[in-house]
Protein backbone atom coordinates (compact mmCIF):
# COMPACT_ATOMS: atom_id res chain seq x y z
CA UNK A 1 -87.15 190.43 70.90
CA UNK A 2 -84.84 191.75 73.59
CA UNK A 3 -85.07 194.79 75.86
CA UNK A 4 -82.52 197.47 76.26
CA UNK A 5 -82.91 199.76 79.29
CA UNK A 6 -86.62 198.97 79.21
CA UNK A 7 -86.84 199.61 75.44
CA UNK A 8 -87.91 196.72 73.22
CA UNK A 9 -85.54 195.81 70.54
CA UNK A 10 -86.14 193.60 67.10
CA UNK A 11 -83.58 192.48 64.76
CA UNK A 12 -82.86 193.52 61.26
CA UNK A 13 -80.63 191.51 59.14
CA UNK A 14 -79.71 190.63 55.39
CA UNK A 15 -77.67 188.13 53.69
CA UNK A 16 -75.48 188.20 50.58
CA UNK A 17 -73.52 186.04 48.36
CA UNK A 18 -70.43 187.47 46.99
CA UNK A 19 -71.34 191.17 45.87
CA UNK A 20 -75.00 190.54 45.82
CA UNK A 21 -76.75 191.16 48.92
CA UNK A 22 -80.10 189.77 49.53
CA UNK A 23 -82.48 191.58 52.04
CA UNK A 24 -84.48 189.84 54.65
CA UNK A 25 -88.12 190.73 55.64
CA UNK A 26 -89.11 191.87 59.06
CA UNK A 27 -92.55 191.73 60.49
CA UNK A 28 -94.67 194.26 61.98
CA UNK A 29 -92.94 193.71 65.34
CA UNK A 30 -89.44 194.00 63.72
CA UNK A 31 -88.63 190.34 64.08
CA UNK A 32 -86.55 188.63 61.46
CA UNK A 33 -88.75 186.26 58.67
CA UNK A 34 -86.37 183.38 57.44
CA UNK A 35 -87.89 181.34 54.42
CA UNK A 36 -86.84 177.88 53.62
CA UNK A 37 -84.31 179.03 50.95
CA UNK A 38 -82.37 181.22 53.17
CA UNK A 39 -82.29 178.55 55.86
CA UNK A 40 -80.54 176.10 53.23
CA UNK A 41 -78.07 178.30 52.08
CA UNK A 42 -74.44 177.42 52.31
CA UNK A 43 -72.26 178.35 55.24
CA UNK A 44 -70.30 180.76 53.13
CA UNK A 45 -73.05 183.19 52.88
CA UNK A 46 -72.71 186.35 54.91
CA UNK A 47 -75.20 188.00 57.29
CA UNK A 48 -75.22 191.44 58.88
CA UNK A 49 -77.64 192.00 61.89
CA UNK A 50 -78.51 194.58 64.31
CA UNK A 51 -80.86 194.94 67.37
CA UNK A 52 -82.66 198.14 66.86
CA UNK A 53 -85.76 199.79 68.29
CA UNK A 54 -89.19 199.02 66.77
CA UNK A 55 -90.85 201.80 68.46
CA UNK A 56 -90.45 205.58 67.78
CA UNK A 57 -90.00 208.09 70.75
CA UNK A 58 -87.52 210.72 71.52
CA UNK A 59 -85.93 208.60 73.99
CA UNK A 60 -85.40 205.66 71.63
CA UNK A 61 -84.61 207.67 68.26
CA UNK A 62 -80.86 206.65 68.41
CA UNK A 63 -81.92 202.92 68.72
CA UNK A 64 -83.78 202.88 65.51
CA UNK A 65 -82.46 201.94 62.04
CA UNK A 66 -83.21 205.23 59.62
CA UNK A 67 -83.34 205.35 56.01
CA UNK A 68 -80.22 207.48 55.60
CA UNK A 69 -78.27 204.74 57.80
CA UNK A 70 -79.61 202.11 55.20
CA UNK A 71 -78.28 204.29 52.20
CA UNK A 72 -74.69 204.83 53.80
CA UNK A 73 -74.53 201.30 54.52
CA UNK A 74 -75.55 200.43 50.97
CA UNK A 75 -72.75 203.00 49.85
CA UNK A 76 -69.85 201.10 52.21
CA UNK A 77 -71.00 197.65 50.86
CA UNK A 78 -70.72 198.86 47.12
CA UNK A 79 -67.36 200.24 47.73
CA UNK A 80 -66.35 196.98 49.55
CA UNK A 81 -67.48 194.76 46.80
CA UNK A 82 -66.08 196.85 44.01
CA UNK A 83 -63.14 198.80 45.04
CA UNK A 84 -60.39 198.50 47.98
CA UNK A 85 -60.90 202.22 48.74
CA UNK A 86 -62.09 201.47 52.34
CA UNK A 87 -59.44 198.48 52.88
CA UNK A 88 -57.17 199.09 55.74
CA UNK A 89 -58.63 202.46 56.70
CA UNK A 90 -59.20 203.74 60.24
CA UNK A 91 -62.59 205.24 60.11
CA UNK A 92 -65.27 206.85 62.74
CA UNK A 93 -68.94 206.71 62.43
CA UNK A 94 -70.26 209.79 64.35
CA UNK A 95 -74.05 209.34 65.75
CA UNK A 96 -73.83 205.67 64.92
CA UNK A 97 -77.20 204.86 66.49
CA UNK A 98 -77.32 201.17 66.08
CA UNK A 99 -73.61 200.91 64.66
CA UNK A 100 -74.91 199.54 61.34
CA UNK A 101 -72.74 201.66 59.05
CA UNK A 102 -69.57 200.85 61.41
CA UNK A 103 -70.35 197.23 61.36
CA UNK A 104 -70.30 197.17 57.53
CA UNK A 105 -66.96 199.22 57.52
CA UNK A 106 -65.59 196.69 59.86
CA UNK A 107 -65.53 194.10 57.24
CA UNK A 108 -62.68 195.53 55.52
CA UNK A 109 -61.17 198.53 57.75
CA UNK A 110 -58.30 198.26 60.01
CA UNK A 111 -60.12 200.20 62.75
CA UNK A 112 -63.49 201.32 63.15
CA UNK A 113 -64.76 203.71 66.10
CA UNK A 114 -68.23 203.54 66.28
CA UNK A 115 -69.46 206.56 68.43
CA UNK A 116 -72.50 208.00 70.06
CA UNK A 117 -73.62 208.85 73.73
CA UNK A 118 -75.81 207.61 76.22
CA UNK A 119 -75.45 204.13 77.89
CA UNK A 120 -78.64 202.56 76.18
CA UNK A 121 -77.37 203.58 72.60
CA UNK A 122 -73.55 202.46 73.52
CA UNK A 123 -74.69 199.26 75.19
CA UNK A 124 -76.86 198.49 72.12
CA UNK A 125 -73.82 199.24 69.72
CA UNK A 126 -71.47 197.06 71.69
CA UNK A 127 -74.27 194.03 71.68
CA UNK A 128 -74.49 194.59 67.68
CA UNK A 129 -70.33 194.42 67.51
CA UNK A 130 -70.53 191.09 69.69
CA UNK A 131 -73.28 189.80 67.56
CA UNK A 132 -71.57 190.29 64.26
CA UNK A 133 -68.22 189.36 65.31
CA UNK A 134 -68.71 185.58 64.89
CA UNK A 135 -70.98 186.08 61.96
CA UNK A 136 -69.09 188.54 59.83
CA UNK A 137 -65.69 187.38 61.55
CA UNK A 138 -65.31 191.04 62.70
CA UNK A 139 -62.29 191.49 64.94
CA UNK A 140 -63.72 192.94 68.05
CA UNK A 141 -60.15 194.29 69.21
CA UNK A 142 -60.19 196.48 66.20
CA UNK A 143 -63.90 197.69 66.62
CA UNK A 144 -64.18 200.31 69.20
CA UNK A 145 -67.47 201.60 70.63
CA UNK A 146 -66.76 204.83 72.32
CA UNK A 147 -68.63 207.84 73.56
CA UNK A 148 -68.33 211.06 71.69
CA UNK A 149 -70.77 214.00 73.16
CA UNK A 150 -70.63 216.87 70.51
CA UNK A 151 -71.21 219.18 73.36
CA UNK A 152 -67.82 218.22 74.47
CA UNK A 153 -64.30 219.62 72.97
CA UNK A 154 -62.29 217.30 71.22
CA UNK A 155 -60.15 215.55 72.20
CA UNK A 156 -61.91 213.85 74.84
CA UNK A 157 -60.48 213.49 78.07
CA UNK A 158 -58.10 210.38 78.34
CA UNK A 159 -59.26 207.83 80.81
CA UNK A 160 -58.76 204.14 81.90
CA UNK A 161 -61.38 201.56 82.09
CA UNK A 162 -62.92 200.96 85.75
CA UNK A 163 -64.35 197.48 86.04
CA UNK A 164 -66.76 198.47 88.70
CA UNK A 165 -68.25 201.38 86.40
CA UNK A 166 -69.66 199.66 83.16
CA UNK A 167 -70.15 203.20 81.45
CA UNK A 168 -66.16 203.42 81.78
CA UNK A 169 -65.71 200.96 78.89
CA UNK A 170 -66.74 203.66 76.36
CA UNK A 171 -64.15 206.11 77.45
CA UNK A 172 -60.99 206.82 75.25
CA UNK A 173 -57.56 206.06 75.84
CA UNK A 174 -54.50 208.44 74.34
CA UNK A 175 -53.64 205.74 71.77
CA UNK A 176 -57.28 205.58 70.52
CA UNK A 177 -57.51 209.36 70.34
CA UNK A 178 -54.21 209.28 68.27
CA UNK A 179 -55.46 206.56 66.05
CA UNK A 180 -58.64 208.38 65.48
CA UNK A 181 -57.00 211.59 64.56
CA UNK A 182 -54.94 209.67 62.07
CA UNK A 183 -58.13 208.05 60.46
CA UNK A 184 -59.09 209.10 56.88
CA UNK A 185 -62.72 208.49 56.76
CA UNK A 186 -65.75 209.72 58.70
CA UNK A 187 -69.30 208.68 58.24
CA UNK A 188 -72.63 210.07 59.54
CA UNK A 189 -76.15 209.17 58.85
CA UNK A 190 -79.41 211.20 59.73
CA UNK A 191 -77.78 213.56 61.96
CA UNK A 192 -79.31 216.54 60.67
CA UNK A 193 -82.63 217.18 62.25
CA UNK A 194 -81.86 220.27 64.61
CA UNK A 195 -80.24 223.37 64.02
CA UNK A 196 -78.47 223.26 67.31
CA UNK A 197 -77.27 219.84 66.93
CA UNK A 198 -76.09 220.54 63.28
CA UNK A 199 -74.05 223.51 64.71
CA UNK A 200 -72.66 220.98 67.27
CA UNK A 201 -71.88 218.03 64.69
CA UNK A 202 -70.01 220.58 62.41
CA UNK A 203 -68.04 221.76 65.26
CA UNK A 204 -67.18 218.19 66.15
CA UNK A 205 -66.30 217.30 62.51
CA UNK A 206 -64.03 220.47 62.15
CA UNK A 207 -62.19 219.55 65.24
CA UNK A 208 -61.39 215.91 63.86
CA UNK A 209 -60.86 216.79 60.35
CA UNK A 210 -58.23 219.60 61.20
CA UNK A 211 -56.17 217.30 63.27
CA UNK A 212 -53.97 214.52 62.11
CA UNK A 213 -54.30 212.97 58.92
CA UNK A 214 -56.71 214.45 55.84
CA UNK A 215 -60.12 213.21 56.05
CA UNK A 216 -63.29 212.85 54.23
CA UNK A 217 -66.71 212.84 55.63
CA UNK A 218 -69.59 210.80 53.93
CA UNK A 219 -72.87 211.96 55.27
CA UNK A 220 -76.44 210.75 54.33
CA UNK A 221 -79.71 212.54 55.32
CA UNK A 222 -83.31 212.73 55.00
CA UNK A 223 -84.78 216.33 54.35
CA UNK A 224 -87.49 216.82 57.27
CA UNK A 225 -90.24 219.58 56.53
CA UNK A 226 -92.08 221.67 59.05
CA UNK A 227 -94.44 224.44 58.43
CA UNK A 228 -92.55 227.88 59.04
CA UNK A 229 -94.62 230.93 60.49
CA UNK A 230 -92.02 233.38 58.73
CA UNK A 231 -92.50 231.59 55.19
CA UNK A 232 -96.05 230.59 55.97
CA UNK A 233 -95.03 227.46 54.12
CA UNK A 234 -93.92 223.85 54.51
CA UNK A 235 -90.08 224.15 54.21
CA UNK A 236 -86.93 221.90 55.21
CA UNK A 237 -85.44 224.62 57.53
CA UNK A 238 -83.04 222.10 58.94
CA UNK A 239 -81.62 221.31 55.59
CA UNK A 240 -81.17 224.87 54.67
CA UNK A 241 -79.10 225.58 58.01
CA UNK A 242 -77.10 222.32 56.87
CA UNK A 243 -76.12 223.77 53.58
CA UNK A 244 -74.97 226.77 55.13
CA UNK A 245 -71.87 225.08 56.49
CA UNK A 246 -69.94 224.27 53.13
CA UNK A 247 -69.32 225.55 49.61
CA UNK A 248 -70.68 223.14 46.93
CA UNK A 249 -68.58 221.75 44.42
CA UNK A 250 -69.94 220.39 41.03
CA UNK A 251 -68.83 217.19 39.28
CA UNK A 252 -66.22 219.19 37.43
CA UNK A 253 -64.68 220.40 40.59
CA UNK A 254 -65.92 224.04 40.18
CA UNK A 255 -67.09 226.01 43.32
CA UNK A 256 -70.53 227.55 43.42
CA UNK A 257 -69.49 230.98 44.14
CA UNK A 258 -73.03 232.01 45.39
CA UNK A 259 -72.62 229.41 48.30
CA UNK A 260 -69.24 230.22 49.03
CA UNK A 261 -68.61 229.20 52.97
CA UNK A 262 -65.28 228.64 54.86
CA UNK A 263 -63.95 225.46 56.46
CA UNK A 264 -65.75 222.72 54.22
CA UNK A 265 -66.61 221.93 50.55
CA UNK A 266 -69.22 219.56 49.63
CA UNK A 267 -70.03 217.40 46.75
CA UNK A 268 -73.53 216.06 46.40
CA UNK A 269 -73.21 212.25 45.13
CA UNK A 270 -75.43 210.41 42.62
CA UNK A 271 -77.46 207.85 44.26
CA UNK A 272 -78.09 206.08 41.07
CA UNK A 273 -74.58 204.95 41.26
CA UNK A 274 -75.18 203.22 44.56
CA UNK A 275 -76.89 199.90 44.16
CA UNK A 276 -79.68 199.27 46.61
CA UNK A 277 -78.62 196.18 48.23
CA UNK A 278 -80.86 196.60 51.25
CA UNK A 279 -84.36 196.19 49.64
CA UNK A 280 -86.35 197.09 52.85
CA UNK A 281 -86.60 200.81 52.28
CA UNK A 282 -87.78 203.18 49.94
CA UNK A 283 -85.10 205.86 48.93
CA UNK A 284 -87.64 208.38 47.85
CA UNK A 285 -86.86 211.88 46.56
CA UNK A 286 -85.70 213.27 50.04
CA UNK A 287 -82.67 211.02 50.69
CA UNK A 288 -79.18 212.71 49.99
CA UNK A 289 -75.61 211.88 50.21
CA UNK A 290 -72.71 214.28 50.37
CA UNK A 291 -69.01 213.75 50.37
CA UNK A 292 -67.48 216.74 52.43
CA UNK A 293 -63.94 217.90 52.66
CA UNK A 294 -62.20 220.11 55.15
CA UNK A 295 -60.96 223.48 53.70
CA UNK A 296 -57.91 224.37 56.18
CA UNK A 297 -57.26 227.51 54.00
CA UNK A 298 -60.67 229.04 52.93
CA UNK A 299 -60.23 232.22 50.73
């Protein structure tokens, strides 16, 4: 275990051979458990590892690995094993947390921007990039850890790195902003848990998706339930607010006229088509994945 800003971090990892990843077990402290079979594997095996928080608190929420991030990582791995869809793309992970999804993307993408806010989270993301650069042969020069504050307007201010200020390493250059705007894929996992933050998230997504190249947002979430005094029942109010931001499109391409909203069109993806490579989590019935497109000319 290691410490990040006084917080204890464990290690989550899994191996795969070819297109068949094999999850690794972690103990109750979050430490990696390796059996003899895994230790004797050939050097051609691959491993993806992340430092992550093993305690649950408001302060450390961004340092933990959540189910929605594991689902989105499964999706990225499946696409990279079965197609060339993400090969050579420029991608942005929004609200990256540990950076797990961005690291999976970095195996095949041309550029990946792993974004979040706060020094503890960004420092841990950078540590995870460095941890995997030799393991997965990730080119650190093409994997950028950058601060993206949803409360600030896009594009972020252009800045240069100041060696005397470690936090300045997470600031954007002009060329990086231009590259991000020409990116074609956005990824976000477990960013839907507060109505205010959902508003800010979609505001940031709209600014990114309305500039430069056409983009697709892949978003995974886990419904969270609370008791509502207004409805006197346990409801997923945050989820209802999330769904209010886009028009739903079915598999045939038809739009649900009862949910017509400007700016975004969303299609719910079938999770049975995404194999579960990472076995250390239970998907359950409350995990969802959405493919969301920006609609610049809503009627």
